[in-house]
Amino acid sequence: MTLLSVNGVYKHFSGNKAVDNVSLEIKEGEIVGLIGANGAGKTTLFNCLTGYYRADGGSIIFDGKHIEKLKAHLICRMGIGRTFQIAKPFGDLSVLDNTVVGAYNQFKSKSEAYAEAKRCIDFVGLSEKSDTDASDLNTGEKRRLELARALATGPRLLLLDEVMAGLTPTESVEMVELIRKIRKSGVTILMIEHIMPALMSLSDTVYVLDQGKLICKGTPAEVSENKQVIESYLGKTAEA
């Protein structure tokens, strides 16, 4: 079943075509990768999908309903959650209180919201840090807190924006396993990631953006061998 259908979406800023006629499809239960060089339009597309920006054109259909004109909180309530490139938790709040903010998207009662927050904290492996202020967490722990907060909103589709940025090799391996665990729990995933071995090992399908345009779609193996992708992105990454 198709969970998300993006059709001809574009977003321009003062003549700059940040997202230029992009279409993609995500089926329920998939992990889909989105790659491209810095400035390719990946996060701008995420912002359009989640209501942070309103697309200038095209349609976004989630679970059979048009969402391209909805505000962010309504899209979240429908079942699309996300993390951000830069983790910015409420530093003076505990891990638990940070996570309960997300849980109020699903639950009105304090007891239900805190119960869900505790479940999500345990799910991502932060139970021992539940009462710790978010400002005292290291980078890897802050990434896990980002995930806990997003999961607490009750997403059917989770958008991950460079969730492995700044992690050590060991933490990256652990994050890959956590993402697999999230998928196994029934959450569909669309992810931006620059750590290619991790993204390629996780993804069923990969889309590639270059200067706002979609230039390739395929399996990880197909994308890795695509000449245009190698020239525009993978080759540059390898050289760096």
C-alpha atoms as a PDB file:
ATOM      1  CA  MET A   1       0.000   0.000   0.000  1.00  0.00           C
ATOM      2  CA  THR A   2       1.269   3.478  -0.905  1.00  0.00           C
ATOM      3  CA  LEU A   3       1.559   5.552   2.267  1.00  0.00           C
ATOM      4  CA  LEU A   4       3.030   8.744   0.802  1.00  0.00           C
ATOM      5  CA  SER A   5       2.755  10.014  -2.763  1.00  0.00           C
ATOM      6  CA  VAL A   6       4.613  13.192  -3.773  1.00  0.00           C
ATOM      7  CA  ASN A   7       3.698  14.518  -7.219  1.00  0.00           C
ATOM      8  CA  GLY A   8       5.501  17.349  -9.007  1.00  0.00           C
ATOM      9  CA  VAL A   9       6.352  19.285  -5.852  1.00  0.00           C
ATOM     10  CA  TYR A  10       8.413  22.428  -6.173  1.00  0.00           C
ATOM     11  CA  LYS A  11       9.606  25.132  -3.790  1.00  0.00           C
ATOM     12  CA  HIS A  12      11.401  28.277  -4.936  1.00  0.00           C
ATOM     13  CA  PHE A  13      13.207  30.953  -2.919  1.00  0.00           C
ATOM     14  CA  SER A  14      13.807  34.234  -4.781  1.00  0.00           C
ATOM     15  CA  GLY A  15      14.288  32.417  -8.050  1.00  0.00           C
ATOM     16  CA  ASN A  16      16.315  29.570  -6.551  1.00  0.00           C
ATOM     17  CA  LYS A  17      14.633  26.267  -7.379  1.00  0.00           C
ATOM     18  CA  ALA A  18      15.349  24.451  -4.093  1.00  0.00           C
ATOM     19  CA  VAL A  19      12.900  21.663  -4.987  1.00  0.00           C
ATOM     20  CA  ASP A  20      12.090  21.384  -8.672  1.00  0.00           C
ATOM     21  CA  ASN A  21       9.231  19.126  -9.817  1.00  0.00           C
ATOM     22  CA  VAL A  22      10.016  16.238  -7.470  1.00  0.00           C
ATOM     23  CA  SER A  23       7.868  13.105  -7.358  1.00  0.00           C
ATOM     24  CA  LEU A  24       8.347  10.065  -5.167  1.00  0.00           C
ATOM     25  CA  GLU A  25       6.369   7.234  -3.635  1.00  0.00           C
ATOM     26  CA  ILE A  26       6.767   5.438  -0.331  1.00  0.00           C
ATOM     27  CA  LYS A  27       5.024   2.185   0.429  1.00  0.00           C
ATOM     28  CA  GLU A  28       4.009   1.209   3.924  1.00  0.00           C
ATOM     29  CA  GLY A  29       6.775  -0.688   5.721  1.00  0.00           C
ATOM     30  CA  GLU A  30       9.620   0.575   3.533  1.00  0.00           C
ATOM     31  CA  ILE A  31      12.819   2.355   4.394  1.00  0.00           C
ATOM     32  CA  VAL A  32      13.476   4.887   1.643  1.00  0.00           C
ATOM     33  CA  GLY A  33      16.741   6.800   1.333  1.00  0.00           C
ATOM     34  CA  LEU A  34      17.085  10.345   0.006  1.00  0.00           C
ATOM     35  CA  ILE A  35      20.589  11.422  -0.986  1.00  0.00           C
ATOM     36  CA  GLY A  36      22.306  14.309  -2.712  1.00  0.00           C
ATOM     37  CA  ALA A  37      25.063  16.837  -2.199  1.00  0.00           C
ATOM     38  CA  ASN A  38      24.703  19.674   0.300  1.00  0.00           C
ATOM     39  CA  GLY A  39      22.192  22.144  -1.099  1.00  0.00           C
ATOM     40  CA  ALA A  40      20.482  19.550  -3.289  1.00  0.00           C
ATOM     41  CA  GLY A  41      17.080  20.295  -1.709  1.00  0.00           C
ATOM     42  CA  LYS A  42      16.701  17.316   0.621  1.00  0.00           C
ATOM     43  CA  THR A  43      15.822  19.148   3.821  1.00  0.00           C
ATOM     44  CA  THR A  44      13.678  21.642   1.901  1.00  0.00           C
ATOM     45  CA  LEU A  45      11.657  18.694   0.603  1.00  0.00           C
ATOM     46  CA  PHE A  46      11.350  17.367   4.169  1.00  0.00           C
ATOM     47  CA  ASN A  47      10.107  20.791   5.253  1.00  0.00           C
ATOM     48  CA  CYS A  48       7.449  20.719   2.528  1.00  0.00           C
ATOM     49  CA  LEU A  49       6.334  17.223   3.500  1.00  0.00           C
ATOM     50  CA  THR A  50       5.938  18.166   7.157  1.00  0.00           C
ATOM     51  CA  GLY A  51       4.270  21.559   6.718  1.00  0.00           C
ATOM     52  CA  TYR A  52       7.205  23.683   7.865  1.00  0.00           C
ATOM     53  CA  TYR A  53       7.173  25.135   4.344  1.00  0.00           C
ATOM     54  CA  ARG A  54       4.197  25.218   2.033  1.00  0.00           C
ATOM     55  CA  ALA A  55       5.097  23.877  -1.393  1.00  0.00           C
ATOM     56  CA  ASP A  56       4.659  26.325  -4.247  1.00  0.00           C
ATOM     57  CA  GLY A  57       3.094  23.623  -6.394  1.00  0.00           C
ATOM     58  CA  GLY A  58       2.391  19.934  -6.736  1.00  0.00           C
ATOM     59  CA  SER A  59       0.557  17.548  -4.431  1.00  0.00           C
ATOM     60  CA  ILE A  60       1.475  15.578  -1.309  1.00  0.00           C
ATOM     61  CA  ILE A  61      -0.849  12.727  -0.448  1.00  0.00           C
ATOM     62  CA  PHE A  62      -0.486  10.863   2.842  1.00  0.00           C
ATOM     63  CA  ASP A  63      -2.657   7.832   3.538  1.00  0.00           C
ATOM     64  CA  GLY A  64      -5.002   8.904   0.741  1.00  0.00           C
ATOM     65  CA  LYS A  65      -5.410  12.496   1.952  1.00  0.00           C
ATOM     66  CA  HIS A  66      -3.960  15.708   0.513  1.00  0.00           C
ATOM     67  CA  ILE A  67      -1.725  17.419   3.063  1.00  0.00           C
ATOM     68  CA  GLU A  68       0.176  19.995   0.983  1.00  0.00           C
ATOM     69  CA  LYS A  69      -1.833  22.896   2.426  1.00  0.00           C
ATOM     70  CA  LEU A  70      -1.976  21.718   6.033  1.00  0.00           C
ATOM     71  CA  LYS A  71      -0.051  23.237   8.923  1.00  0.00           C
ATOM     72  CA  ALA A  72       2.760  21.302  10.586  1.00  0.00           C
ATOM     73  CA  HIS A  73       0.900  20.357  13.769  1.00  0.00           C
ATOM     74  CA  LEU A  74      -1.984  18.882  11.778  1.00  0.00           C
ATOM     75  CA  ILE A  75       0.368  16.846   9.589  1.00  0.00           C
ATOM     76  CA  CYS A  76       2.102  15.560  12.715  1.00  0.00           C
ATOM     77  CA  ARG A  77      -1.260  14.607  14.197  1.00  0.00           C
ATOM     78  CA  MET A  78      -2.076  12.657  11.021  1.00  0.00           C
ATOM     79  CA  GLY A  79       1.002  10.512  11.554  1.00  0.00           C
ATOM     80  CA  ILE A  80       4.145  12.081  10.056  1.00  0.00           C
ATOM     81  CA  GLY A  81       6.988  12.630  12.526  1.00  0.00           C
ATOM     82  CA  ARG A  82      10.507  13.899  11.950  1.00  0.00           C
ATOM     83  CA  THR A  83      13.915  14.585  13.395  1.00  0.00           C
ATOM     84  CA  PHE A  84      16.144  17.531  12.493  1.00  0.00           C
ATOM     85  CA  GLN A  85      19.721  17.907  11.242  1.00  0.00           C
ATOM     86  CA  ILE A  86      20.722  19.745  14.398  1.00  0.00           C
ATOM     87  CA  ALA A  87      19.406  18.285  17.642  1.00  0.00           C
ATOM     88  CA  LYS A  88      17.943  21.095  19.731  1.00  0.00           C
ATOM     89  CA  PRO A  89      16.248  19.619  22.786  1.00  0.00           C
ATOM     90  CA  PHE A  90      14.988  21.786  25.626  1.00  0.00           C
ATOM     91  CA  GLY A  91      18.296  21.841  27.471  1.00  0.00           C
ATOM     92  CA  ASP A  92      16.921  22.654  30.915  1.00  0.00           C
ATOM     93  CA  LEU A  93      14.302  19.882  30.749  1.00  0.00           C
ATOM     94  CA  SER A  94      14.934  16.231  31.508  1.00  0.00           C
ATOM     95  CA  VAL A  95      14.978  13.538  28.846  1.00  0.00           C
ATOM     96  CA  LEU A  96      11.547  12.439  30.062  1.00  0.00           C
ATOM     97  CA  ASP A  97      10.027  15.921  29.961  1.00  0.00           C
ATOM     98  CA  ASN A  98      11.486  16.543  26.502  1.00  0.00           C
ATOM     99  CA  THR A  99       9.876  13.359  25.239  1.00  0.00           C
ATOM    100  CA  VAL A 100       6.500  13.960  26.849  1.00  0.00           C
ATOM    101  CA  VAL A 101       6.164  17.107  24.712  1.00  0.00           C
ATOM    102  CA  GLY A 102       5.910  14.817  21.686  1.00  0.00           C
ATOM    103  CA  ALA A 103       3.555  12.419  23.440  1.00  0.00           C
ATOM    104  CA  TYR A 104       0.961  15.160  23.936  1.00  0.00           C
ATOM    105  CA  ASN A 105       0.429  14.949  20.169  1.00  0.00           C
ATOM    106  CA  GLN A 106      -1.324  11.648  20.832  1.00  0.00           C
ATOM    107  CA  PHE A 107      -2.612  11.891  24.387  1.00  0.00           C
ATOM    108  CA  LYS A 108      -4.449  14.579  26.311  1.00  0.00           C
ATOM    109  CA  SER A 109      -4.033  13.114  29.770  1.00  0.00           C
ATOM    110  CA  LYS A 110      -0.779  13.631  31.647  1.00  0.00           C
ATOM    111  CA  SER A 111      -0.594  10.019  32.795  1.00  0.00           C
ATOM    112  CA  GLU A 112      -0.979   8.613  29.273  1.00  0.00           C
ATOM    113  CA  ALA A 113       1.521  11.079  27.834  1.00  0.00           C
ATOM    114  CA  TYR A 114       4.154  10.239  30.445  1.00  0.00           C
ATOM    115  CA  ALA A 115       3.570   6.512  30.030  1.00  0.00           C
ATOM    116  CA  GLU A 116       4.140   6.824  26.273  1.00  0.00           C
ATOM    117  CA  ALA A 117       7.207   9.017  26.806  1.00  0.00           C
ATOM    118  CA  LYS A 118       8.724   6.409  29.142  1.00  0.00           C
ATOM    119  CA  ARG A 119       8.026   3.671  26.587  1.00  0.00           C
ATOM    120  CA  CYS A 120       9.764   5.634  23.839  1.00  0.00           C
ATOM    121  CA  ILE A 121      12.760   6.464  26.035  1.00  0.00           C
ATOM    122  CA  ASP A 122      13.140   2.780  26.854  1.00  0.00           C
ATOM    123  CA  PHE A 123      12.749   1.896  23.156  1.00  0.00           C
ATOM    124  CA  VAL A 124      15.710   4.064  22.141  1.00  0.00           C
ATOM    125  CA  GLY A 125      17.856   2.936  25.074  1.00  0.00           C
ATOM    126  CA  LEU A 126      17.803   6.062  27.230  1.00  0.00           C
ATOM    127  CA  SER A 127      15.979   4.771  30.307  1.00  0.00           C
ATOM    128  CA  GLU A 128      18.987   5.355  32.548  1.00  0.00           C
ATOM    129  CA  LYS A 129      19.089   8.988  31.387  1.00  0.00           C
ATOM    130  CA  SER A 130      15.388   9.652  31.944  1.00  0.00           C
ATOM    131  CA  ASP A 131      15.928  12.249  34.676  1.00  0.00           C
ATOM    132  CA  THR A 132      19.053  13.786  33.118  1.00  0.00           C
ATOM    133  CA  ASP A 133      18.847  17.301  31.695  1.00  0.00           C
ATOM    134  CA  ALA A 134      19.069  17.195  27.899  1.00  0.00           C
ATOM    135  CA  SER A 135      21.944  19.694  27.981  1.00  0.00           C
ATOM    136  CA  ASP A 136      24.067  17.081  29.774  1.00  0.00           C
ATOM    137  CA  LEU A 137      23.712  14.442  27.046  1.00  0.00           C
ATOM    138  CA  ASN A 138      26.458  13.662  24.563  1.00  0.00           C
ATOM    139  CA  THR A 139      25.871  13.838  20.800  1.00  0.00           C
ATOM    140  CA  GLY A 140      24.809  10.206  20.440  1.00  0.00           C
ATOM    141  CA  GLU A 141      22.372  10.485  23.336  1.00  0.00           C
ATOM    142  CA  LYS A 142      20.884  13.675  21.917  1.00  0.00           C
ATOM    143  CA  ARG A 143      20.284  11.863  18.621  1.00  0.00           C
ATOM    144  CA  ARG A 144      18.456   9.111  20.512  1.00  0.00           C
ATOM    145  CA  LEU A 145      16.410  11.728  22.353  1.00  0.00           C
ATOM    146  CA  GLU A 146      15.440  13.243  18.996  1.00  0.00           C
ATOM    147  CA  LEU A 147      14.186   9.817  17.967  1.00  0.00           C
ATOM    148  CA  ALA A 148      12.303   9.316  21.225  1.00  0.00           C
ATOM    149  CA  ARG A 149      10.559  12.670  20.867  1.00  0.00           C
ATOM    150  CA  ALA A 150       9.583  11.922  17.269  1.00  0.00           C
ATOM    151  CA  LEU A 151       8.359   8.416  18.107  1.00  0.00           C
ATOM    152  CA  ALA A 152       6.306   9.771  20.985  1.00  0.00           C
ATOM    153  CA  THR A 153       4.153  11.676  18.470  1.00  0.00           C
ATOM    154  CA  GLY A 154       2.924   8.307  17.171  1.00  0.00           C
ATOM    155  CA  PRO A 155       4.135   8.429  13.563  1.00  0.00           C
ATOM    156  CA  ARG A 156       3.228   6.017  10.820  1.00  0.00           C
ATOM    157  CA  LEU A 157       5.886   7.705   8.677  1.00  0.00           C
ATOM    158  CA  LEU A 158       9.116   8.934  10.268  1.00  0.00           C
ATOM    159  CA  LEU A 159      11.437  11.355   8.459  1.00  0.00           C
ATOM    160  CA  LEU A 160      15.041  11.129   9.646  1.00  0.00           C
ATOM    161  CA  ASP A 161      17.290  14.060   8.715  1.00  0.00           C
ATOM    162  CA  GLU A 162      20.946  13.010   9.115  1.00  0.00           C
ATOM    163  CA  VAL A 163      20.303  11.167  12.361  1.00  0.00           C
ATOM    164  CA  MET A 164      23.844   9.754  12.270  1.00  0.00           C
ATOM    165  CA  ALA A 165      25.624  13.105  11.922  1.00  0.00           C
ATOM    166  CA  GLY A 166      28.370  13.472  14.514  1.00  0.00           C
ATOM    167  CA  LEU A 167      28.195   9.888  15.739  1.00  0.00           C
ATOM    168  CA  THR A 168      31.212   7.678  16.332  1.00  0.00           C
ATOM    169  CA  PRO A 169      31.546   4.531  14.183  1.00  0.00           C
ATOM    170  CA  THR A 170      30.238   2.411  17.077  1.00  0.00           C
ATOM    171  CA  GLU A 171      27.291   4.751  17.646  1.00  0.00           C
ATOM    172  CA  SER A 172      26.519   4.678  13.913  1.00  0.00           C
ATOM    173  CA  VAL A 173      26.320   0.877  13.947  1.00  0.00           C
ATOM    174  CA  GLU A 174      24.013   1.054  16.964  1.00  0.00           C
ATOM    175  CA  MET A 175      21.858   3.657  15.194  1.00  0.00           C
ATOM    176  CA  VAL A 176      21.478   1.405  12.156  1.00  0.00           C
ATOM    177  CA  GLU A 177      20.151  -1.343  14.426  1.00  0.00           C
ATOM    178  CA  LEU A 178      17.796   1.114  16.135  1.00  0.00           C
ATOM    179  CA  ILE A 179      16.412   2.244  12.771  1.00  0.00           C
ATOM    180  CA  ARG A 180      15.795  -1.392  11.855  1.00  0.00           C
ATOM    181  CA  LYS A 181      14.029  -1.825  15.192  1.00  0.00           C
ATOM    182  CA  ILE A 182      11.821   1.192  14.457  1.00  0.00           C
ATOM    183  CA  ARG A 183      10.866  -0.277  11.109  1.00  0.00           C
ATOM    184  CA  LYS A 184      10.111  -3.645  12.714  1.00  0.00           C
ATOM    185  CA  SER A 185       7.749  -1.861  15.109  1.00  0.00           C
ATOM    186  CA  GLY A 186       5.603  -0.863  12.120  1.00  0.00           C
ATOM    187  CA  VAL A 187       6.904   2.612  11.273  1.00  0.00           C
ATOM    188  CA  THR A 188       7.736   3.493   7.667  1.00  0.00           C
ATOM    189  CA  ILE A 189      10.917   5.550   7.239  1.00  0.00           C
ATOM    190  CA  LEU A 190      12.199   8.192   4.822  1.00  0.00           C
ATOM    191  CA  MET A 191      15.781   9.139   5.636  1.00  0.00           C
ATOM    192  CA  ILE A 192      18.437  11.622   4.574  1.00  0.00           C
ATOM    193  CA  GLU A 193      21.914  10.407   5.369  1.00  0.00           C
ATOM    194  CA  HIS A 194      25.457  11.127   4.172  1.00  0.00           C
ATOM    195  CA  ILE A 195      26.936   7.946   5.617  1.00  0.00           C
ATOM    196  CA  MET A 196      26.468   5.891   2.470  1.00  0.00           C
ATOM    197  CA  PRO A 197      27.237   2.371   3.790  1.00  0.00           C
ATOM    198  CA  ALA A 198      24.589   2.825   6.481  1.00  0.00           C
ATOM    199  CA  LEU A 199      21.961   4.296   4.166  1.00  0.00           C
ATOM    200  CA  MET A 200      22.517   1.725   1.433  1.00  0.00           C
ATOM    201  CA  SER A 201      22.336  -1.183   3.894  1.00  0.00           C
ATOM    202  CA  LEU A 202      19.037   0.090   5.313  1.00  0.00           C
ATOM    203  CA  SER A 203      17.142   1.304   2.243  1.00  0.00           C
ATOM    204  CA  ASP A 204      14.775  -0.621   0.013  1.00  0.00           C
ATOM    205  CA  THR A 205      14.674   2.264  -2.457  1.00  0.00           C
ATOM    206  CA  VAL A 206      16.913   5.301  -2.881  1.00  0.00           C
ATOM    207  CA  TYR A 207      16.047   8.650  -4.502  1.00  0.00           C
ATOM    208  CA  VAL A 208      18.768  11.077  -5.563  1.00  0.00           C
ATOM    209  CA  LEU A 209      18.397  14.856  -5.750  1.00  0.00           C
ATOM    210  CA  ASP A 210      20.751  17.190  -7.575  1.00  0.00           C
ATOM    211  CA  GLN A 211      20.168  20.957  -7.527  1.00  0.00           C
ATOM    212  CA  GLY A 212      16.528  20.443  -6.618  1.00  0.00           C
ATOM    213  CA  LYS A 213      15.798  17.879  -9.312  1.00  0.00           C
ATOM    214  CA  LEU A 214      15.268  14.159  -8.950  1.00  0.00           C
ATOM    215  CA  ILE A 215      17.939  12.501 -11.097  1.00  0.00           C
ATOM    216  CA  CYS A 216      17.648   8.843 -10.102  1.00  0.00           C
ATOM    217  CA  LYS A 217      15.494   6.309  -8.307  1.00  0.00           C
ATOM    218  CA  GLY A 218      16.278   2.664  -7.741  1.00  0.00           C
ATOM    219  CA  THR A 219      17.563  -0.022  -5.448  1.00  0.00           C
ATOM    220  CA  PRO A 220      20.788   0.783  -3.569  1.00  0.00           C
ATOM    221  CA  ALA A 221      22.728  -1.336  -6.079  1.00  0.00           C
ATOM    222  CA  GLU A 222      21.161   0.422  -9.074  1.00  0.00           C
ATOM    223  CA  VAL A 223      21.793   3.883  -7.640  1.00  0.00           C
ATOM    224  CA  SER A 224      25.396   3.036  -6.738  1.00  0.00           C
ATOM    225  CA  GLU A 225      26.091   2.093 -10.353  1.00  0.00           C
ATOM    226  CA  ASN A 226      24.270   5.014 -11.982  1.00  0.00           C
ATOM    227  CA  LYS A 227      26.760   7.166 -13.917  1.00  0.00           C
ATOM    228  CA  GLN A 228      24.910  10.431 -13.314  1.00  0.00           C
ATOM    229  CA  VAL A 229      24.731   9.767  -9.570  1.00  0.00           C
ATOM    230  CA  ILE A 230      28.420   8.937  -9.416  1.00  0.00           C
ATOM    231  CA  GLU A 231      29.323  12.138 -11.256  1.00  0.00           C
ATOM    232  CA  SER A 232      27.020  14.413  -9.260  1.00  0.00           C
ATOM    233  CA  TYR A 233      27.356  12.959  -5.787  1.00  0.00           C
ATOM    234  CA  LEU A 234      28.966   9.608  -5.036  1.00  0.00           C
ATOM    235  CA  GLY A 235      32.152  10.414  -6.969  1.00  0.00           C
ATOM    236  CA  LYS A 236      32.579  13.691  -5.122  1.00  0.00           C
ATOM    237  CA  THR A 237      32.023  11.915  -1.815  1.00  0.00           C
ATOM    238  CA  ALA A 238      34.626   9.306  -2.637  1.00  0.00           C
ATOM    239  CA  GLU A 239      37.151  11.967  -3.627  1.00  0.00           C
ATOM    240  CA  ALA A 240      36.586  13.851  -0.393  1.00  0.00           C
END
